[in-house]
Amino acid sequence: MTAKKQKTGESKDKKALRLAETTDVSPKQAKELMRKHGKDSPKVEKEARNFKAEG
């Protein structure tokens, strides 16, 4: 893995962990939601909150 790809992967992991911590979904669920709705989208936080509320 190149240094750039590794850094990007770490950045995605950090964003997923932050999303998981702020919305109380699991890190795995956060990564899946980010893949589905975009990693920087305000929609992903809304979807994560809705996901947790439904679950």
PDB file of N, CA and C in Angstrom:
ATOM      1  N   MET A   1       0.849  -1.174   0.000  1.00  0.00           N
ATOM      2  CA  MET A   1       0.000   0.000   0.000  1.00  0.00           C
ATOM      3  C   MET A   1       0.892   1.235   0.000  1.00  0.00           C
ATOM      4  N   THR A   2       0.523   2.198  -0.812  1.00  0.00           N
ATOM      5  CA  THR A   2       1.325   3.413  -0.861  1.00  0.00           C
ATOM      6  C   THR A   2       1.040   4.270   0.361  1.00  0.00           C
ATOM      7  N   ALA A   3       1.940   5.191   0.629  1.00  0.00           N
ATOM      8  CA  ALA A   3       1.777   6.073   1.788  1.00  0.00           C
ATOM      9  C   ALA A   3       0.503   6.900   1.660  1.00  0.00           C
ATOM     10  N   LYS A   4       0.207   7.350   0.433  1.00  0.00           N
ATOM     11  CA  LYS A   4      -0.997   8.162   0.231  1.00  0.00           C
ATOM     12  C   LYS A   4      -2.261   7.348   0.500  1.00  0.00           C
ATOM     13  N   LYS A   5      -2.315   6.114  -0.019  1.00  0.00           N
ATOM     14  CA  LYS A   5      -3.482   5.271   0.212  1.00  0.00           C
ATOM     15  C   LYS A   5      -3.611   4.914   1.687  1.00  0.00           C
ATOM     16  N   GLN A   6      -2.479   4.681   2.341  1.00  0.00           N
ATOM     17  CA  GLN A   6      -2.516   4.349   3.757  1.00  0.00           C
ATOM     18  C   GLN A   6      -3.058   5.531   4.548  1.00  0.00           C
ATOM     19  N   LYS A   7      -2.606   6.739   4.219  1.00  0.00           N
ATOM     20  CA  LYS A   7      -3.072   7.932   4.920  1.00  0.00           C
ATOM     21  C   LYS A   7      -4.562   8.140   4.682  1.00  0.00           C
ATOM     22  N   THR A   8      -5.020   7.922   3.448  1.00  0.00           N
ATOM     23  CA  THR A   8      -6.434   8.061   3.133  1.00  0.00           C
ATOM     24  C   THR A   8      -7.252   7.047   3.921  1.00  0.00           C
ATOM     25  N   GLY A   9      -6.753   5.821   4.014  1.00  0.00           N
ATOM     26  CA  GLY A   9      -7.436   4.795   4.784  1.00  0.00           C
ATOM     27  C   GLY A   9      -7.536   5.161   6.252  1.00  0.00           C
ATOM     28  N   GLU A  10      -6.463   5.710   6.796  1.00  0.00           N
ATOM     29  CA  GLU A  10      -6.467   6.141   8.192  1.00  0.00           C
ATOM     30  C   GLU A  10      -7.454   7.285   8.384  1.00  0.00           C
ATOM     31  N   SER A  11      -7.509   8.193   7.420  1.00  0.00           N
ATOM     32  CA  SER A  11      -8.428   9.321   7.501  1.00  0.00           C
ATOM     33  C   SER A  11      -9.874   8.828   7.511  1.00  0.00           C
ATOM     34  N   LYS A  12     -10.187   7.858   6.658  1.00  0.00           N
ATOM     35  CA  LYS A  12     -11.535   7.288   6.617  1.00  0.00           C
ATOM     36  C   LYS A  12     -11.861   6.608   7.936  1.00  0.00           C
ATOM     37  N   ASP A  13     -10.884   5.890   8.496  1.00  0.00           N
ATOM     38  CA  ASP A  13     -11.102   5.222   9.771  1.00  0.00           C
ATOM     39  C   ASP A  13     -11.371   6.230  10.878  1.00  0.00           C
ATOM     40  N   LYS A  14     -10.619   7.320  10.890  1.00  0.00           N
ATOM     41  CA  LYS A  14     -10.826   8.352  11.909  1.00  0.00           C
ATOM     42  C   LYS A  14     -12.205   8.978  11.771  1.00  0.00           C
ATOM     43  N   LYS A  15     -12.620   9.240  10.534  1.00  0.00           N
ATOM     44  CA  LYS A  15     -13.947   9.823  10.312  1.00  0.00           C
ATOM     45  C   LYS A  15     -15.038   8.843  10.729  1.00  0.00           C
ATOM     46  N   ALA A  16     -14.835   7.575  10.434  1.00  0.00           N
ATOM     47  CA  ALA A  16     -15.813   6.559  10.822  1.00  0.00           C
ATOM     48  C   ALA A  16     -15.890   6.444  12.344  1.00  0.00           C
ATOM     49  N   LEU A  17     -14.745   6.482  13.009  1.00  0.00           N
ATOM     50  CA  LEU A  17     -14.741   6.418  14.473  1.00  0.00           C
ATOM     51  C   LEU A  17     -15.425   7.635  15.083  1.00  0.00           C
ATOM     52  N   ARG A  18     -15.163   8.810  14.514  1.00  0.00           N
ATOM     53  CA  ARG A  18     -15.816  10.017  15.017  1.00  0.00           C
ATOM     54  C   ARG A  18     -17.329   9.915  14.834  1.00  0.00           C
ATOM     55  N   LEU A  19     -17.750   9.458  13.663  1.00  0.00           N
ATOM     56  CA  LEU A  19     -19.179   9.290  13.407  1.00  0.00           C
ATOM     57  C   LEU A  19     -19.778   8.277  14.381  1.00  0.00           C
ATOM     58  N   ALA A  20     -19.072   7.192  14.612  1.00  0.00           N
ATOM     59  CA  ALA A  20     -19.552   6.169  15.541  1.00  0.00           C
ATOM     60  C   ALA A  20     -19.691   6.730  16.958  1.00  0.00           C
ATOM     61  N   GLU A  21     -18.718   7.511  17.376  1.00  0.00           N
ATOM     62  CA  GLU A  21     -18.751   8.076  18.727  1.00  0.00           C
ATOM     63  C   GLU A  21     -19.848   9.121  18.888  1.00  0.00           C
ATOM     64  N   THR A  22     -20.055   9.936  17.870  1.00  0.00           N
ATOM     65  CA  THR A  22     -21.031  11.020  18.001  1.00  0.00           C
ATOM     66  C   THR A  22     -22.464  10.569  17.769  1.00  0.00           C
ATOM     67  N   THR A  23     -22.652   9.426  17.114  1.00  0.00           N
ATOM     68  CA  THR A  23     -24.011   8.972  16.820  1.00  0.00           C
ATOM     69  C   THR A  23     -24.348   7.648  17.485  1.00  0.00           C
ATOM     70  N   ASP A  24     -23.390   7.042  18.164  1.00  0.00           N
ATOM     71  CA  ASP A  24     -23.595   5.800  18.908  1.00  0.00           C
ATOM     72  C   ASP A  24     -23.924   4.602  18.020  1.00  0.00           C
ATOM     73  N   VAL A  25     -23.417   4.602  16.779  1.00  0.00           N
ATOM     74  CA  VAL A  25     -23.473   3.397  15.946  1.00  0.00           C
ATOM     75  C   VAL A  25     -22.110   2.725  16.052  1.00  0.00           C
ATOM     76  N   SER A  26     -22.002   1.496  15.599  1.00  0.00           N
ATOM     77  CA  SER A  26     -20.706   0.817  15.652  1.00  0.00           C
ATOM     78  C   SER A  26     -19.786   1.371  14.568  1.00  0.00           C
ATOM     79  N   PRO A  27     -18.473   1.233  14.737  1.00  0.00           N
ATOM     80  CA  PRO A  27     -17.546   1.681  13.686  1.00  0.00           C
ATOM     81  C   PRO A  27     -17.827   1.008  12.344  1.00  0.00           C
ATOM     82  N   LYS A  28     -18.187  -0.264  12.375  1.00  0.00           N
ATOM     83  CA  LYS A  28     -18.512  -0.977  11.132  1.00  0.00           C
ATOM     84  C   LYS A  28     -19.751  -0.362  10.470  1.00  0.00           C
ATOM     85  N   GLN A  29     -20.768  -0.063  11.270  1.00  0.00           N
ATOM     86  CA  GLN A  29     -21.974   0.567  10.732  1.00  0.00           C
ATOM     87  C   GLN A  29     -21.653   1.954  10.192  1.00  0.00           C
ATOM     88  N   ALA A  30     -20.788   2.680  10.887  1.00  0.00           N
ATOM     89  CA  ALA A  30     -20.403   4.020  10.445  1.00  0.00           C
ATOM     90  C   ALA A  30     -19.706   3.959   9.091  1.00  0.00           C
ATOM     91  N   LYS A  31     -18.795   2.996   8.917  1.00  0.00           N
ATOM     92  CA  LYS A  31     -18.099   2.850   7.628  1.00  0.00           C
ATOM     93  C   LYS A  31     -19.089   2.538   6.517  1.00  0.00           C
ATOM     94  N   GLU A  32     -20.040   1.659   6.795  1.00  0.00           N
ATOM     95  CA  GLU A  32     -21.038   1.296   5.787  1.00  0.00           C
ATOM     96  C   GLU A  32     -21.902   2.509   5.420  1.00  0.00           C
ATOM     97  N   LEU A  33     -22.311   3.264   6.408  1.00  0.00           N
ATOM     98  CA  LEU A  33     -23.112   4.465   6.141  1.00  0.00           C
ATOM     99  C   LEU A  33     -22.315   5.490   5.343  1.00  0.00           C
ATOM    100  N   MET A  34     -21.023   5.620   5.639  1.00  0.00           N
ATOM    101  CA  MET A  34     -20.173   6.554   4.898  1.00  0.00           C
ATOM    102  C   MET A  34     -20.015   6.111   3.448  1.00  0.00           C
ATOM    103  N   ARG A  35     -19.906   4.806   3.226  1.00  0.00           N
ATOM    104  CA  ARG A  35     -19.819   4.296   1.847  1.00  0.00           C
ATOM    105  C   ARG A  35     -21.110   4.601   1.092  1.00  0.00           C
ATOM    106  N   LYS A  36     -22.211   4.468   1.782  1.00  0.00           N
ATOM    107  CA  LYS A  36     -23.518   4.619   1.148  1.00  0.00           C
ATOM    108  C   LYS A  36     -23.897   6.080   0.900  1.00  0.00           C
ATOM    109  N   HIS A  37     -23.575   6.965   1.844  1.00  0.00           N
ATOM    110  CA  HIS A  37     -24.068   8.338   1.794  1.00  0.00           C
ATOM    111  C   HIS A  37     -22.988   9.398   1.599  1.00  0.00           C
ATOM    112  N   GLY A  38     -21.738   9.005   1.544  1.00  0.00           N
ATOM    113  CA  GLY A  38     -20.651   9.973   1.383  1.00  0.00           C
ATOM    114  C   GLY A  38     -20.025  10.299   2.718  1.00  0.00           C
ATOM    115  N   LYS A  39     -18.695  10.351   2.727  1.00  0.00           N
ATOM    116  CA  LYS A  39     -17.998  10.478   4.014  1.00  0.00           C
ATOM    117  C   LYS A  39     -18.091  11.856   4.643  1.00  0.00           C
ATOM    118  N   ASP A  40     -18.275  12.905   3.841  1.00  0.00           N
ATOM    119  CA  ASP A  40     -18.311  14.251   4.400  1.00  0.00           C
ATOM    120  C   ASP A  40     -19.699  14.880   4.340  1.00  0.00           C
ATOM    121  N   SER A  41     -20.650  14.103   3.940  1.00  0.00           N
ATOM    122  CA  SER A  41     -21.998  14.623   3.758  1.00  0.00           C
ATOM    123  C   SER A  41     -22.699  14.815   5.100  1.00  0.00           C
ATOM    124  N   PRO A  42     -23.393  15.936   5.271  1.00  0.00           N
ATOM    125  CA  PRO A  42     -24.205  16.095   6.487  1.00  0.00           C
ATOM    126  C   PRO A  42     -25.286  15.007   6.556  1.00  0.00           C
ATOM    127  N   LYS A  43     -25.639  14.483   5.384  1.00  0.00           N
ATOM    128  CA  LYS A  43     -26.658  13.435   5.334  1.00  0.00           C
ATOM    129  C   LYS A  43     -26.205  12.179   6.072  1.00  0.00           C
ATOM    130  N   VAL A  44     -24.915  11.891   6.043  1.00  0.00           N
ATOM    131  CA  VAL A  44     -24.440  10.663   6.685  1.00  0.00           C
ATOM    132  C   VAL A  44     -24.669  10.719   8.196  1.00  0.00           C
ATOM    133  N   GLU A  45     -24.505  11.875   8.807  1.00  0.00           N
ATOM    134  CA  GLU A  45     -24.774  11.985  10.252  1.00  0.00           C
ATOM    135  C   GLU A  45     -26.258  11.815  10.534  1.00  0.00           C
ATOM    136  N   LYS A  46     -27.089  12.415   9.700  1.00  0.00           N
ATOM    137  CA  LYS A  46     -28.536  12.278   9.861  1.00  0.00           C
ATOM    138  C   LYS A  46     -28.945  10.814   9.718  1.00  0.00           C
ATOM    139  N   GLU A  47     -28.399  10.149   8.708  1.00  0.00           N
ATOM    140  CA  GLU A  47     -28.716   8.740   8.485  1.00  0.00           C
ATOM    141  C   GLU A  47     -28.224   7.874   9.645  1.00  0.00           C
ATOM    142  N   ALA A  48     -27.065   8.196  10.190  1.00  0.00           N
ATOM    143  CA  ALA A  48     -26.536   7.435  11.325  1.00  0.00           C
ATOM    144  C   ALA A  48     -27.439   7.591  12.544  1.00  0.00           C
ATOM    145  N   ARG A  49     -27.911   8.790  12.772  1.00  0.00           N
ATOM    146  CA  ARG A  49     -28.827   9.014  13.906  1.00  0.00           C
ATOM    147  C   ARG A  49     -30.143   8.265  13.690  1.00  0.00           C
ATOM    148  N   ASN A  50     -30.653   8.309  12.463  1.00  0.00           N
ATOM    149  CA  ASN A  50     -31.881   7.574  12.148  1.00  0.00           C
ATOM    150  C   ASN A  50     -31.663   6.074  12.260  1.00  0.00           C
ATOM    151  N   PHE A  51     -30.512   5.605  11.812  1.00  0.00           N
ATOM    152  CA  PHE A  51     -30.174   4.188  11.867  1.00  0.00           C
ATOM    153  C   PHE A  51     -30.204   3.703  13.312  1.00  0.00           C
ATOM    154  N   LYS A  52     -29.604   4.473  14.196  1.00  0.00           N
ATOM    155  CA  LYS A  52     -29.557   4.094  15.607  1.00  0.00           C
ATOM    156  C   LYS A  52     -30.953   4.145  16.216  1.00  0.00           C
ATOM    157  N   ALA A  53     -31.741   5.133  15.842  1.00  0.00           N
ATOM    158  CA  ALA A  53     -33.086   5.270  16.384  1.00  0.00           C
ATOM    159  C   ALA A  53     -33.977   4.095  15.959  1.00  0.00           C
ATOM    160  N   GLU A  54     -33.776   3.622  14.729  1.00  0.00           N
ATOM    161  CA  GLU A  54     -34.571   2.506  14.225  1.00  0.00           C
ATOM    162  C   GLU A  54     -34.142   1.181  14.843  1.00  0.00           C
ATOM    163  N   GLY A  55     -32.828   1.047  15.083  1.00  0.00           N
ATOM    164  CA  GLY A  55     -32.264  -0.220  15.561  1.00  0.00           C
ATOM    165  C   GLY A  55     -32.526  -0.424  16.988  1.00  0.00           C
TER     166      GLY A  55
END
